[in-house]
């Protein structure tokens, strides 16, 4: 199974881009997909941008992972309210990251 990580494109220089994985985690990657622009949310795999993802799709994915994390944490004995509060902080960070682009 492959794992692609979402990132925001902050700079493009020919076939090379600088992306932000959130929280200031920047990396230089190769553009292996066409039509990528600064500000796009992309999927990065093995040091290469392999595609673009719509912001709505990214938010849907975040909500899905949030619900999975809540279920796993509560099944493990954590309090639901505490888990939701902590995840809400992280979700707010992601939303700010999206908006700032």
C-alpha atoms as a PDB file:
ATOM      1  CA  UNK A   1       0.000   0.000   0.000  1.00  0.00           C
ATOM      2  CA  UNK A   2       1.193   3.509  -0.808  1.00  0.00           C
ATOM      3  CA  UNK A   3       0.751   6.509   1.413  1.00  0.00           C
ATOM      4  CA  UNK A   4       0.381  10.003  -0.063  1.00  0.00           C
ATOM      5  CA  UNK A   5       0.484  12.974   2.282  1.00  0.00           C
ATOM      6  CA  UNK A   6      -1.471  16.193   1.676  1.00  0.00           C
ATOM      7  CA  UNK A   7       0.524  19.401   1.401  1.00  0.00           C
ATOM      8  CA  UNK A   8       0.034  22.959   0.204  1.00  0.00           C
ATOM      9  CA  UNK A   9       2.195  24.281  -2.652  1.00  0.00           C
ATOM     10  CA  UNK A  10       3.962  27.460  -1.552  1.00  0.00           C
ATOM     11  CA  UNK A  11       6.470  27.947  -4.387  1.00  0.00           C
ATOM     12  CA  UNK A  12       7.108  26.564  -7.864  1.00  0.00           C
ATOM     13  CA  UNK A  13      10.358  26.793  -9.789  1.00  0.00           C
ATOM     14  CA  UNK A  14      10.152  24.832 -13.019  1.00  0.00           C
ATOM     15  CA  UNK A  15       9.682  21.128 -12.242  1.00  0.00           C
ATOM     16  CA  UNK A  16      10.390  21.676  -8.525  1.00  0.00           C
ATOM     17  CA  UNK A  17       7.994  22.868  -5.831  1.00  0.00           C
ATOM     18  CA  UNK A  18       8.230  23.734  -2.182  1.00  0.00           C
ATOM     19  CA  UNK A  19       5.322  22.389  -0.179  1.00  0.00           C
ATOM     20  CA  UNK A  20       4.063  22.923   3.358  1.00  0.00           C
ATOM     21  CA  UNK A  21       2.827  19.830   5.186  1.00  0.00           C
ATOM     22  CA  UNK A  22       1.384  22.046   7.911  1.00  0.00           C
ATOM     23  CA  UNK A  23       2.903  23.648  10.952  1.00  0.00           C
ATOM     24  CA  UNK A  24       5.868  24.904   8.949  1.00  0.00           C
ATOM     25  CA  UNK A  25       7.097  21.483   7.829  1.00  0.00           C
ATOM     26  CA  UNK A  26       8.410  22.424   4.372  1.00  0.00           C
ATOM     27  CA  UNK A  27       9.960  20.153   1.766  1.00  0.00           C
ATOM     28  CA  UNK A  28      11.225  20.504  -1.785  1.00  0.00           C
ATOM     29  CA  UNK A  29       9.558  18.005  -4.117  1.00  0.00           C
ATOM     30  CA  UNK A  30       9.310  17.158  -7.810  1.00  0.00           C
ATOM     31  CA  UNK A  31       6.166  18.090  -9.753  1.00  0.00           C
ATOM     32  CA  UNK A  32       5.015  14.819 -11.302  1.00  0.00           C
ATOM     33  CA  UNK A  33       1.513  16.117 -12.084  1.00  0.00           C
ATOM     34  CA  UNK A  34       0.391  18.731 -14.600  1.00  0.00           C
ATOM     35  CA  UNK A  35      -1.346  22.013 -13.884  1.00  0.00           C
ATOM     36  CA  UNK A  36      -0.221  22.440 -10.286  1.00  0.00           C
ATOM     37  CA  UNK A  37      -0.249  26.023  -9.009  1.00  0.00           C
ATOM     38  CA  UNK A  38       0.859  27.840  -5.864  1.00  0.00           C
ATOM     39  CA  UNK A  39      -1.848  27.473  -3.220  1.00  0.00           C
ATOM     40  CA  UNK A  40      -3.055  24.076  -4.460  1.00  0.00           C
ATOM     41  CA  UNK A  41      -3.534  21.249  -1.989  1.00  0.00           C
ATOM     42  CA  UNK A  42      -1.645  18.292  -3.423  1.00  0.00           C
ATOM     43  CA  UNK A  43      -0.783  14.707  -2.573  1.00  0.00           C
ATOM     44  CA  UNK A  44       2.924  13.999  -2.129  1.00  0.00           C
ATOM     45  CA  UNK A  45       4.330  10.492  -2.385  1.00  0.00           C
ATOM     46  CA  UNK A  46       8.021   9.550  -2.357  1.00  0.00           C
ATOM     47  CA  UNK A  47       9.148  13.149  -2.848  1.00  0.00           C
ATOM     48  CA  UNK A  48       6.855  13.881  -5.777  1.00  0.00           C
ATOM     49  CA  UNK A  49       3.546  15.670  -6.216  1.00  0.00           C
ATOM     50  CA  UNK A  50       1.299  12.997  -7.706  1.00  0.00           C
ATOM     51  CA  UNK A  51      -1.947  14.942  -7.883  1.00  0.00           C
ATOM     52  CA  UNK A  52      -4.146  17.733  -6.674  1.00  0.00           C
ATOM     53  CA  UNK A  53      -6.977  17.383  -4.186  1.00  0.00           C
ATOM     54  CA  UNK A  54      -9.923  19.735  -3.857  1.00  0.00           C
ATOM     55  CA  UNK A  55     -10.176  21.539  -0.517  1.00  0.00           C
ATOM     56  CA  UNK A  56     -13.626  19.995  -0.012  1.00  0.00           C
ATOM     57  CA  UNK A  57     -12.187  16.496  -0.448  1.00  0.00           C
ATOM     58  CA  UNK A  58      -9.417  17.313   2.010  1.00  0.00           C
ATOM     59  CA  UNK A  59     -11.937  18.539   4.596  1.00  0.00           C
ATOM     60  CA  UNK A  60     -14.078  15.420   4.065  1.00  0.00           C
ATOM     61  CA  UNK A  61     -10.997  13.264   4.657  1.00  0.00           C
ATOM     62  CA  UNK A  62     -10.140  15.189   7.827  1.00  0.00           C
ATOM     63  CA  UNK A  63     -13.672  14.671   9.149  1.00  0.00           C
ATOM     64  CA  UNK A  64     -13.486  10.964   8.357  1.00  0.00           C
ATOM     65  CA  UNK A  65     -10.132  10.572  10.152  1.00  0.00           C
ATOM     66  CA  UNK A  66     -11.428  12.640  13.067  1.00  0.00           C
ATOM     67  CA  UNK A  67     -14.377  10.273  13.551  1.00  0.00           C
ATOM     68  CA  UNK A  68     -12.088   7.220  13.298  1.00  0.00           C
ATOM     69  CA  UNK A  69      -9.724   8.685  15.903  1.00  0.00           C
ATOM     70  CA  UNK A  70     -12.606   9.417  18.276  1.00  0.00           C
ATOM     71  CA  UNK A  71     -13.915   5.857  17.943  1.00  0.00           C
ATOM     72  CA  UNK A  72     -10.493   4.275  18.449  1.00  0.00           C
ATOM     73  CA  UNK A  73      -9.676   6.478  21.437  1.00  0.00           C
ATOM     74  CA  UNK A  74     -12.997   5.878  23.163  1.00  0.00           C
ATOM     75  CA  UNK A  75     -12.761   2.139  22.536  1.00  0.00           C
ATOM     76  CA  UNK A  76      -9.354   2.328  24.203  1.00  0.00           C
ATOM     77  CA  UNK A  77     -10.862   3.941  27.297  1.00  0.00           C
ATOM     78  CA  UNK A  78     -10.337   7.656  26.664  1.00  0.00           C
ATOM     79  CA  UNK A  79     -13.133  10.091  27.414  1.00  0.00           C
ATOM     80  CA  UNK A  80     -15.004  11.182  24.300  1.00  0.00           C
ATOM     81  CA  UNK A  81     -15.199  14.870  25.280  1.00  0.00           C
ATOM     82  CA  UNK A  82     -11.473  15.062  25.979  1.00  0.00           C
ATOM     83  CA  UNK A  83     -10.620  13.427  22.661  1.00  0.00           C
ATOM     84  CA  UNK A  84     -13.025  15.670  20.743  1.00  0.00           C
ATOM     85  CA  UNK A  85     -11.560  18.774  22.402  1.00  0.00           C
ATOM     86  CA  UNK A  86      -8.007  17.804  21.474  1.00  0.00           C
ATOM     87  CA  UNK A  87      -8.962  16.920  17.905  1.00  0.00           C
ATOM     88  CA  UNK A  88     -10.855  20.201  17.546  1.00  0.00           C
ATOM     89  CA  UNK A  89      -7.609  22.068  18.285  1.00  0.00           C
ATOM     90  CA  UNK A  90      -5.846  20.145  15.519  1.00  0.00           C
ATOM     91  CA  UNK A  91      -8.758  20.558  13.124  1.00  0.00           C
ATOM     92  CA  UNK A  92      -8.707  24.333  13.745  1.00  0.00           C
ATOM     93  CA  UNK A  93      -4.999  24.357  12.877  1.00  0.00           C
ATOM     94  CA  UNK A  94      -5.684  22.553   9.582  1.00  0.00           C
ATOM     95  CA  UNK A  95      -8.527  24.933   8.725  1.00  0.00           C
ATOM     96  CA  UNK A  96      -6.280  27.959   9.346  1.00  0.00           C
ATOM     97  CA  UNK A  97      -3.606  26.301   7.185  1.00  0.00           C
ATOM     98  CA  UNK A  98      -6.126  25.889   4.370  1.00  0.00           C
ATOM     99  CA  UNK A  99      -7.446  29.446   4.696  1.00  0.00           C
ATOM    100  CA  UNK A 100      -3.976  31.027   4.722  1.00  0.00           C
ATOM    101  CA  UNK A 101      -3.355  29.691   1.213  1.00  0.00           C
END
